[in-house]
Amino acid sequence: CEASGLLFSTYAMGWFRQTPGKERTKIGVIGWRGT
């Protein structure tokens, strides 16, 4: 996932997924410190 237009290093980045008829769910996240 390539980001532009924001100060990328200050944002946590999450991955999510969704299938038809179901709610979007969180796969995982990485914080700005790398956690």
PDB file of all heavy atoms in Angstrom:
ATOM      1  N   CYS A   1       0.859  -1.174   0.000  1.00  0.00           N
ATOM      2  CA  CYS A   1       0.000   0.000   0.000  1.00  0.00           C
ATOM      3  C   CYS A   1       0.897   1.226   0.000  1.00  0.00           C
ATOM      4  O   CYS A   1       1.677   1.423   0.940  1.00  0.00           O
ATOM      5  CB  CYS A   1      -0.915  -0.012   1.221  1.00  0.00           C
ATOM      6  SG  CYS A   1      -1.852   1.508   1.489  1.00  0.00           S
ATOM      7  N   GLU A   2       0.801   2.008  -1.053  1.00  0.00           N
ATOM      8  CA  GLU A   2       1.611   3.208  -1.194  1.00  0.00           C
ATOM      9  C   GLU A   2       0.784   4.431  -0.833  1.00  0.00           C
ATOM     10  O   GLU A   2      -0.304   4.630  -1.376  1.00  0.00           O
ATOM     11  CB  GLU A   2       2.138   3.328  -2.620  1.00  0.00           C
ATOM     12  CG  GLU A   2       3.062   4.504  -2.841  1.00  0.00           C
ATOM     13  CD  GLU A   2       3.682   4.513  -4.217  1.00  0.00           C
ATOM     14  OE1 GLU A   2       3.945   3.417  -4.755  1.00  0.00           O
ATOM     15  OE2 GLU A   2       3.897   5.604  -4.766  1.00  0.00           O
ATOM     16  N   ALA A   3       1.298   5.244   0.077  1.00  0.00           N
ATOM     17  CA  ALA A   3       0.593   6.426   0.556  1.00  0.00           C
ATOM     18  C   ALA A   3       1.237   7.696   0.030  1.00  0.00           C
ATOM     19  O   ALA A   3       2.452   7.769  -0.142  1.00  0.00           O
ATOM     20  CB  ALA A   3       0.574   6.457   2.088  1.00  0.00           C
ATOM     21  N   SER A   4       0.415   8.707  -0.180  1.00  0.00           N
ATOM     22  CA  SER A   4       0.904  10.020  -0.581  1.00  0.00           C
ATOM     23  C   SER A   4       0.009  11.087   0.018  1.00  0.00           C
ATOM     24  O   SER A   4      -1.149  10.831   0.351  1.00  0.00           O
ATOM     25  CB  SER A   4       0.959  10.152  -2.108  1.00  0.00           C
ATOM     26  OG  SER A   4      -0.331   9.994  -2.678  1.00  0.00           O
ATOM     27  N   GLY A   5       0.549  12.290   0.171  1.00  0.00           N
ATOM     28  CA  GLY A   5      -0.237  13.401   0.677  1.00  0.00           C
ATOM     29  C   GLY A   5      -0.379  13.471   2.182  1.00  0.00           C
ATOM     30  O   GLY A   5      -1.174  14.275   2.683  1.00  0.00           O
ATOM     31  N   LEU A   6       0.365  12.658   2.911  1.00  0.00           N
ATOM     32  CA  LEU A   6       0.343  12.691   4.366  1.00  0.00           C
ATOM     33  C   LEU A   6       1.739  12.418   4.899  1.00  0.00           C
ATOM     34  O   LEU A   6       2.582  11.862   4.190  1.00  0.00           O
ATOM     35  CB  LEU A   6      -0.670  11.695   4.947  1.00  0.00           C
ATOM     36  CG  LEU A   6      -0.310  10.201   4.980  1.00  0.00           C
ATOM     37  CD1 LEU A   6      -1.309   9.451   5.847  1.00  0.00           C
ATOM     38  CD2 LEU A   6      -0.254   9.605   3.587  1.00  0.00           C
ATOM     39  N   LEU A   7       1.982  12.807   6.141  1.00  0.00           N
ATOM     40  CA  LEU A   7       3.263  12.534   6.786  1.00  0.00           C
ATOM     41  C   LEU A   7       3.217  11.089   7.261  1.00  0.00           C
ATOM     42  O   LEU A   7       2.810  10.786   8.383  1.00  0.00           O
ATOM     43  CB  LEU A   7       3.504  13.499   7.933  1.00  0.00           C
ATOM     44  CG  LEU A   7       4.902  13.485   8.562  1.00  0.00           C
ATOM     45  CD1 LEU A   7       5.972  13.717   7.506  1.00  0.00           C
ATOM     46  CD2 LEU A   7       5.002  14.539   9.645  1.00  0.00           C
ATOM     47  N   PHE A   8       3.658  10.192   6.388  1.00  0.00           N
ATOM     48  CA  PHE A   8       3.455   8.766   6.558  1.00  0.00           C
ATOM     49  C   PHE A   8       3.994   8.244   7.881  1.00  0.00           C
ATOM     50  O   PHE A   8       3.352   7.417   8.538  1.00  0.00           O
ATOM     51  CB  PHE A   8       4.105   8.030   5.376  1.00  0.00           C
ATOM     52  CG  PHE A   8       3.940   6.548   5.409  1.00  0.00           C
ATOM     53  CD1 PHE A   8       2.746   5.961   5.004  1.00  0.00           C
ATOM     54  CD2 PHE A   8       4.970   5.732   5.830  1.00  0.00           C
ATOM     55  CE1 PHE A   8       2.595   4.590   5.024  1.00  0.00           C
ATOM     56  CE2 PHE A   8       4.827   4.356   5.849  1.00  0.00           C
ATOM     57  CZ  PHE A   8       3.631   3.788   5.445  1.00  0.00           C
ATOM     58  N   SER A   9       5.167   8.710   8.285  1.00  0.00           N
ATOM     59  CA  SER A   9       5.830   8.164   9.467  1.00  0.00           C
ATOM     60  C   SER A   9       5.092   8.447  10.766  1.00  0.00           C
ATOM     61  O   SER A   9       5.390   7.819  11.787  1.00  0.00           O
ATOM     62  CB  SER A   9       7.262   8.685   9.569  1.00  0.00           C
ATOM     63  OG  SER A   9       7.279  10.090   9.713  1.00  0.00           O
ATOM     64  N   THR A  10       4.145   9.372  10.773  1.00  0.00           N
ATOM     65  CA  THR A  10       3.391   9.705  11.974  1.00  0.00           C
ATOM     66  C   THR A  10       2.063   8.944  12.066  1.00  0.00           C
ATOM     67  O   THR A  10       1.330   9.123  13.037  1.00  0.00           O
ATOM     68  CB  THR A  10       3.094  11.206  12.055  1.00  0.00           C
ATOM     69  OG1 THR A  10       2.174  11.582  11.022  1.00  0.00           O
ATOM     70  CG2 THR A  10       4.379  12.021  11.907  1.00  0.00           C
ATOM     71  N   TYR A  11       1.766   8.105  11.088  1.00  0.00           N
ATOM     72  CA  TYR A  11       0.502   7.380  11.064  1.00  0.00           C
ATOM     73  C   TYR A  11       0.689   5.896  11.350  1.00  0.00           C
ATOM     74  O   TYR A  11       1.643   5.269  10.885  1.00  0.00           O
ATOM     75  CB  TYR A  11      -0.179   7.526   9.701  1.00  0.00           C
ATOM     76  CG  TYR A  11      -0.904   8.839   9.530  1.00  0.00           C
ATOM     77  CD1 TYR A  11      -0.231   9.973   9.100  1.00  0.00           C
ATOM     78  CD2 TYR A  11      -2.259   8.931   9.807  1.00  0.00           C
ATOM     79  CE1 TYR A  11      -0.899  11.181   8.949  1.00  0.00           C
ATOM     80  CE2 TYR A  11      -2.938  10.133   9.657  1.00  0.00           C
ATOM     81  CZ  TYR A  11      -2.251  11.251   9.229  1.00  0.00           C
ATOM     82  OH  TYR A  11      -2.916  12.438   9.073  1.00  0.00           O
ATOM     83  N   ALA A  12      -0.229   5.345  12.118  1.00  0.00           N
ATOM     84  CA  ALA A  12      -0.384   3.904  12.177  1.00  0.00           C
ATOM     85  C   ALA A  12      -1.056   3.443  10.891  1.00  0.00           C
ATOM     86  O   ALA A  12      -1.914   4.137  10.348  1.00  0.00           O
ATOM     87  CB  ALA A  12      -1.230   3.507  13.385  1.00  0.00           C
ATOM     88  N   MET A  13      -0.659   2.281  10.404  1.00  0.00           N
ATOM     89  CA  MET A  13      -1.218   1.753   9.166  1.00  0.00           C
ATOM     90  C   MET A  13      -1.870   0.405   9.435  1.00  0.00           C
ATOM     91  O   MET A  13      -1.227  -0.510   9.960  1.00  0.00           O
ATOM     92  CB  MET A  13      -0.141   1.607   8.101  1.00  0.00           C
ATOM     93  CG  MET A  13       0.528   2.924   7.703  1.00  0.00           C
ATOM     94  SD  MET A  13      -0.637   4.113   6.962  1.00  0.00           S
ATOM     95  CE  MET A  13      -1.207   3.188   5.525  1.00  0.00           C
ATOM     96  N   GLY A  14      -3.136   0.301   9.075  1.00  0.00           N
ATOM     97  CA  GLY A  14      -3.887  -0.924   9.291  1.00  0.00           C
ATOM     98  C   GLY A  14      -4.246  -1.614   7.995  1.00  0.00           C
ATOM     99  O   GLY A  14      -4.323  -0.982   6.937  1.00  0.00           O
ATOM    100  N   TRP A  15      -4.439  -2.915   8.096  1.00  0.00           N
ATOM    101  CA  TRP A  15      -4.972  -3.719   6.998  1.00  0.00           C
ATOM    102  C   TRP A  15      -6.315  -4.294   7.431  1.00  0.00           C
ATOM    103  O   TRP A  15      -6.442  -4.815   8.545  1.00  0.00           O
ATOM    104  CB  TRP A  15      -4.029  -4.847   6.609  1.00  0.00           C
ATOM    105  CG  TRP A  15      -2.830  -4.404   5.824  1.00  0.00           C
ATOM    106  CD1 TRP A  15      -1.580  -4.150   6.296  1.00  0.00           C
ATOM    107  CD2 TRP A  15      -2.784  -4.179   4.409  1.00  0.00           C
ATOM    108  NE1 TRP A  15      -0.751  -3.781   5.266  1.00  0.00           N
ATOM    109  CE2 TRP A  15      -1.459  -3.791   4.096  1.00  0.00           C
ATOM    110  CE3 TRP A  15      -3.719  -4.275   3.378  1.00  0.00           C
ATOM    111  CZ2 TRP A  15      -1.058  -3.489   2.789  1.00  0.00           C
ATOM    112  CZ3 TRP A  15      -3.319  -3.971   2.084  1.00  0.00           C
ATOM    113  CH2 TRP A  15      -2.005  -3.587   1.806  1.00  0.00           C
ATOM    114  N   PHE A  16      -7.292  -4.213   6.540  1.00  0.00           N
ATOM    115  CA  PHE A  16      -8.645  -4.670   6.795  1.00  0.00           C
ATOM    116  C   PHE A  16      -9.111  -5.504   5.616  1.00  0.00           C
ATOM    117  O   PHE A  16      -8.531  -5.457   4.539  1.00  0.00           O
ATOM    118  CB  PHE A  16      -9.594  -3.477   6.994  1.00  0.00           C
ATOM    119  CG  PHE A  16      -9.195  -2.564   8.111  1.00  0.00           C
ATOM    120  CD1 PHE A  16      -8.184  -1.629   7.947  1.00  0.00           C
ATOM    121  CD2 PHE A  16      -9.839  -2.630   9.341  1.00  0.00           C
ATOM    122  CE1 PHE A  16      -7.814  -0.776   8.973  1.00  0.00           C
ATOM    123  CE2 PHE A  16      -9.478  -1.783  10.378  1.00  0.00           C
ATOM    124  CZ  PHE A  16      -8.465  -0.861  10.195  1.00  0.00           C
ATOM    125  N   ARG A  17     -10.178  -6.265   5.814  1.00  0.00           N
ATOM    126  CA  ARG A  17     -10.740  -7.018   4.708  1.00  0.00           C
ATOM    127  C   ARG A  17     -12.252  -7.117   4.852  1.00  0.00           C
ATOM    128  O   ARG A  17     -12.799  -7.005   5.944  1.00  0.00           O
ATOM    129  CB  ARG A  17     -10.117  -8.411   4.600  1.00  0.00           C
ATOM    130  CG  ARG A  17     -10.341  -9.323   5.794  1.00  0.00           C
ATOM    131  CD  ARG A  17      -9.519 -10.598   5.635  1.00  0.00           C
ATOM    132  NE  ARG A  17      -9.700 -11.519   6.742  1.00  0.00           N
ATOM    133  CZ  ARG A  17      -9.035 -12.647   6.894  1.00  0.00           C
ATOM    134  NH1 ARG A  17      -8.131 -13.020   5.997  1.00  0.00           N
ATOM    135  NH2 ARG A  17      -9.269 -13.433   7.947  1.00  0.00           N
ATOM    136  N   GLN A  18     -12.913  -7.344   3.713  1.00  0.00           N
ATOM    137  CA  GLN A  18     -14.365  -7.392   3.694  1.00  0.00           C
ATOM    138  C   GLN A  18     -14.845  -8.305   2.578  1.00  0.00           C
ATOM    139  O   GLN A  18     -14.324  -8.263   1.466  1.00  0.00           O
ATOM    140  CB  GLN A  18     -14.943  -5.986   3.500  1.00  0.00           C
ATOM    141  CG  GLN A  18     -16.450  -5.906   3.625  1.00  0.00           C
ATOM    142  CD  GLN A  18     -16.939  -4.474   3.643  1.00  0.00           C
ATOM    143  OE1 GLN A  18     -16.274  -3.565   3.146  1.00  0.00           O
ATOM    144  NE2 GLN A  18     -18.109  -4.256   4.225  1.00  0.00           N
ATOM    145  N   THR A  19     -15.848  -9.123   2.888  1.00  0.00           N
ATOM    146  CA  THR A  19     -16.507  -9.967   1.900  1.00  0.00           C
ATOM    147  C   THR A  19     -17.955  -9.517   1.774  1.00  0.00           C
ATOM    148  O   THR A  19     -18.512  -8.912   2.700  1.00  0.00           O
ATOM    149  CB  THR A  19     -16.445 -11.447   2.292  1.00  0.00           C
ATOM    150  OG1 THR A  19     -17.016 -11.618   3.592  1.00  0.00           O
ATOM    151  CG2 THR A  19     -15.006 -11.938   2.316  1.00  0.00           C
ATOM    152  N   PRO A  20     -18.612  -9.799   0.631  1.00  0.00           N
ATOM    153  CA  PRO A  20     -19.998  -9.365   0.457  1.00  0.00           C
ATOM    154  C   PRO A  20     -20.904  -9.877   1.568  1.00  0.00           C
ATOM    155  O   PRO A  20     -20.854 -11.047   1.938  1.00  0.00           O
ATOM    156  CB  PRO A  20     -20.383  -9.963  -0.894  1.00  0.00           C
ATOM    157  CG  PRO A  20     -19.089 -10.062  -1.631  1.00  0.00           C
ATOM    158  CD  PRO A  20     -18.079 -10.433  -0.581  1.00  0.00           C
ATOM    159  N   GLY A  21     -21.732  -8.980   2.099  1.00  0.00           N
ATOM    160  CA  GLY A  21     -22.672  -9.341   3.141  1.00  0.00           C
ATOM    161  C   GLY A  21     -22.094  -9.395   4.537  1.00  0.00           C
ATOM    162  O   GLY A  21     -22.825  -9.696   5.480  1.00  0.00           O
ATOM    163  N   LYS A  22     -20.804  -9.118   4.683  1.00  0.00           N
ATOM    164  CA  LYS A  22     -20.169  -9.140   5.987  1.00  0.00           C
ATOM    165  C   LYS A  22     -19.560  -7.783   6.303  1.00  0.00           C
ATOM    166  O   LYS A  22     -19.228  -7.009   5.411  1.00  0.00           O
ATOM    167  CB  LYS A  22     -19.082 -10.213   6.051  1.00  0.00           C
ATOM    168  CG  LYS A  22     -19.587 -11.634   5.895  1.00  0.00           C
ATOM    169  CD  LYS A  22     -18.451 -12.630   6.032  1.00  0.00           C
ATOM    170  CE  LYS A  22     -18.941 -14.050   5.888  1.00  0.00           C
ATOM    171  NZ  LYS A  22     -17.826 -15.030   6.017  1.00  0.00           N
ATOM    172  N   GLU A  23     -19.409  -7.510   7.584  1.00  0.00           N
ATOM    173  CA  GLU A  23     -18.787  -6.269   8.012  1.00  0.00           C
ATOM    174  C   GLU A  23     -17.279  -6.329   7.812  1.00  0.00           C
ATOM    175  O   GLU A  23     -16.665  -7.392   7.862  1.00  0.00           O
ATOM    176  CB  GLU A  23     -19.117  -5.987   9.473  1.00  0.00           C
ATOM    177  CG  GLU A  23     -20.597  -5.856   9.760  1.00  0.00           C
ATOM    178  CD  GLU A  23     -20.900  -4.796  10.790  1.00  0.00           C
ATOM    179  OE1 GLU A  23     -20.001  -4.468  11.588  1.00  0.00           O
ATOM    180  OE2 GLU A  23     -22.023  -4.282  10.801  1.00  0.00           O
ATOM    181  N   ARG A  24     -16.705  -5.172   7.566  1.00  0.00           N
ATOM    182  CA  ARG A  24     -15.263  -5.073   7.437  1.00  0.00           C
ATOM    183  C   ARG A  24     -14.604  -5.386   8.780  1.00  0.00           C
ATOM    184  O   ARG A  24     -15.078  -4.958   9.830  1.00  0.00           O
ATOM    185  CB  ARG A  24     -14.888  -3.670   6.966  1.00  0.00           C
ATOM    186  CG  ARG A  24     -13.440  -3.499   6.557  1.00  0.00           C
ATOM    187  CD  ARG A  24     -13.227  -2.134   5.904  1.00  0.00           C
ATOM    188  NE  ARG A  24     -14.027  -1.988   4.691  1.00  0.00           N
ATOM    189  CZ  ARG A  24     -14.009  -0.915   3.919  1.00  0.00           C
ATOM    190  NH1 ARG A  24     -13.230   0.112   4.214  1.00  0.00           N
ATOM    191  NH2 ARG A  24     -14.781  -0.876   2.843  1.00  0.00           N
ATOM    192  N   THR A  25     -13.507  -6.134   8.739  1.00  0.00           N
ATOM    193  CA  THR A  25     -12.804  -6.520   9.953  1.00  0.00           C
ATOM    194  C   THR A  25     -11.329  -6.159   9.854  1.00  0.00           C
ATOM    195  O   THR A  25     -10.757  -6.090   8.763  1.00  0.00           O
ATOM    196  CB  THR A  25     -12.937  -8.018  10.236  1.00  0.00           C
ATOM    197  OG1 THR A  25     -12.393  -8.766   9.141  1.00  0.00           O
ATOM    198  CG2 THR A  25     -14.399  -8.413  10.426  1.00  0.00           C
ATOM    199  N   LYS A  26     -10.717  -5.953  11.009  1.00  0.00           N
ATOM    200  CA  LYS A  26      -9.313  -5.608  11.059  1.00  0.00           C
ATOM    201  C   LYS A  26      -8.453  -6.860  10.996  1.00  0.00           C
ATOM    202  O   LYS A  26      -8.674  -7.819  11.726  1.00  0.00           O
ATOM    203  CB  LYS A  26      -9.004  -4.826  12.336  1.00  0.00           C
ATOM    204  CG  LYS A  26      -7.550  -4.349  12.424  1.00  0.00           C
ATOM    205  CD  LYS A  26      -7.270  -3.624  13.735  1.00  0.00           C
ATOM    206  CE  LYS A  26      -7.942  -2.279  13.774  1.00  0.00           C
ATOM    207  NZ  LYS A  26      -7.570  -1.525  15.013  1.00  0.00           N
ATOM    208  N   ILE A  27      -7.475  -6.838  10.108  1.00  0.00           N
ATOM    209  CA  ILE A  27      -6.483  -7.907  10.013  1.00  0.00           C
ATOM    210  C   ILE A  27      -5.357  -7.665  11.008  1.00  0.00           C
ATOM    211  O   ILE A  27      -4.950  -8.550  11.755  1.00  0.00           O
ATOM    212  CB  ILE A  27      -5.912  -7.996   8.598  1.00  0.00           C
ATOM    213  CG1 ILE A  27      -6.999  -8.351   7.595  1.00  0.00           C
ATOM    214  CG2 ILE A  27      -4.765  -8.997   8.533  1.00  0.00           C
ATOM    215  CD1 ILE A  27      -6.577  -8.123   6.156  1.00  0.00           C
ATOM    216  N   GLY A  28      -4.853  -6.453  11.010  1.00  0.00           N
ATOM    217  CA  GLY A  28      -3.766  -6.084  11.888  1.00  0.00           C
ATOM    218  C   GLY A  28      -3.357  -4.652  11.644  1.00  0.00           C
ATOM    219  O   GLY A  28      -3.864  -3.987  10.747  1.00  0.00           O
ATOM    220  N   VAL A  29      -2.428  -4.191  12.457  1.00  0.00           N
ATOM    221  CA  VAL A  29      -1.998  -2.804  12.382  1.00  0.00           C
ATOM    222  C   VAL A  29      -0.533  -2.707  12.765  1.00  0.00           C
ATOM    223  O   VAL A  29      -0.026  -3.520  13.547  1.00  0.00           O
ATOM    224  CB  VAL A  29      -2.880  -1.918  13.302  1.00  0.00           C
ATOM    225  CG1 VAL A  29      -2.748  -2.345  14.763  1.00  0.00           C
ATOM    226  CG2 VAL A  29      -2.553  -0.441  13.136  1.00  0.00           C
ATOM    227  N   ILE A  30       0.146  -1.731  12.206  1.00  0.00           N
ATOM    228  CA  ILE A  30       1.521  -1.420  12.600  1.00  0.00           C
ATOM    229  C   ILE A  30       1.576   0.039  13.001  1.00  0.00           C
ATOM    230  O   ILE A  30       1.122   0.921  12.275  1.00  0.00           O
ATOM    231  CB  ILE A  30       2.532  -1.754  11.482  1.00  0.00           C
ATOM    232  CG1 ILE A  30       3.962  -1.505  11.956  1.00  0.00           C
ATOM    233  CG2 ILE A  30       2.229  -0.985  10.200  1.00  0.00           C
ATOM    234  CD1 ILE A  30       5.015  -2.122  11.039  1.00  0.00           C
ATOM    235  N   GLY A  31       2.097   0.308  14.182  1.00  0.00           N
ATOM    236  CA  GLY A  31       2.182   1.659  14.695  1.00  0.00           C
ATOM    237  C   GLY A  31       3.376   2.413  14.151  1.00  0.00           C
ATOM    238  O   GLY A  31       4.250   1.839  13.488  1.00  0.00           O
ATOM    239  N   TRP A  32       3.420   3.689  14.447  1.00  0.00           N
ATOM    240  CA  TRP A  32       4.523   4.497  13.917  1.00  0.00           C
ATOM    241  C   TRP A  32       5.858   4.130  14.546  1.00  0.00           C
ATOM    242  O   TRP A  32       6.907   4.430  13.972  1.00  0.00           O
ATOM    243  CB  TRP A  32       4.230   5.985  14.067  1.00  0.00           C
ATOM    244  CG  TRP A  32       4.038   6.482  15.475  1.00  0.00           C
ATOM    245  CD1 TRP A  32       2.872   6.536  16.175  1.00  0.00           C
ATOM    246  CD2 TRP A  32       5.048   7.024  16.334  1.00  0.00           C
ATOM    247  NE1 TRP A  32       3.088   7.082  17.418  1.00  0.00           N
ATOM    248  CE2 TRP A  32       4.412   7.392  17.536  1.00  0.00           C
ATOM    249  CE3 TRP A  32       6.422   7.236  16.197  1.00  0.00           C
ATOM    250  CZ2 TRP A  32       5.112   7.953  18.605  1.00  0.00           C
ATOM    251  CZ3 TRP A  32       7.118   7.797  17.257  1.00  0.00           C
ATOM    252  CH2 TRP A  32       6.459   8.152  18.439  1.00  0.00           C
ATOM    253  N   ARG A  33       5.840   3.478  15.716  1.00  0.00           N
ATOM    254  CA  ARG A  33       7.062   2.984  16.336  1.00  0.00           C
ATOM    255  C   ARG A  33       7.438   1.586  15.846  1.00  0.00           C
ATOM    256  O   ARG A  33       8.485   1.068  16.242  1.00  0.00           O
ATOM    257  CB  ARG A  33       6.921   2.963  17.853  1.00  0.00           C
ATOM    258  CG  ARG A  33       6.807   4.337  18.495  1.00  0.00           C
ATOM    259  CD  ARG A  33       6.747   4.214  20.008  1.00  0.00           C
ATOM    260  NE  ARG A  33       6.607   5.512  20.655  1.00  0.00           N
ATOM    261  CZ  ARG A  33       7.624   6.297  20.991  1.00  0.00           C
ATOM    262  NH1 ARG A  33       8.871   5.916  20.739  1.00  0.00           N
ATOM    263  NH2 ARG A  33       7.392   7.463  21.574  1.00  0.00           N
ATOM    264  N   GLY A  34       6.584   0.968  15.010  1.00  0.00           N
ATOM    265  CA  GLY A  34       6.859  -0.351  14.485  1.00  0.00           C
ATOM    266  C   GLY A  34       6.191  -1.491  15.221  1.00  0.00           C
ATOM    267  O   GLY A  34       6.339  -2.647  14.811  1.00  0.00           O
ATOM    268  N   THR A  35       5.474  -1.217  16.284  1.00  0.00           N
ATOM    269  CA  THR A  35       4.740  -2.252  17.004  1.00  0.00           C
ATOM    270  C   THR A  35       3.609  -2.788  16.134  1.00  0.00           C
ATOM    271  O   THR A  35       2.930  -2.024  15.458  1.00  0.00           O
ATOM    272  CB  THR A  35       4.175  -1.698  18.308  1.00  0.00           C
ATOM    273  OG1 THR A  35       5.243  -1.192  19.111  1.00  0.00           O
ATOM    274  CG2 THR A  35       3.434  -2.775  19.088  1.00  0.00           C
TER     275      THR A  35
END
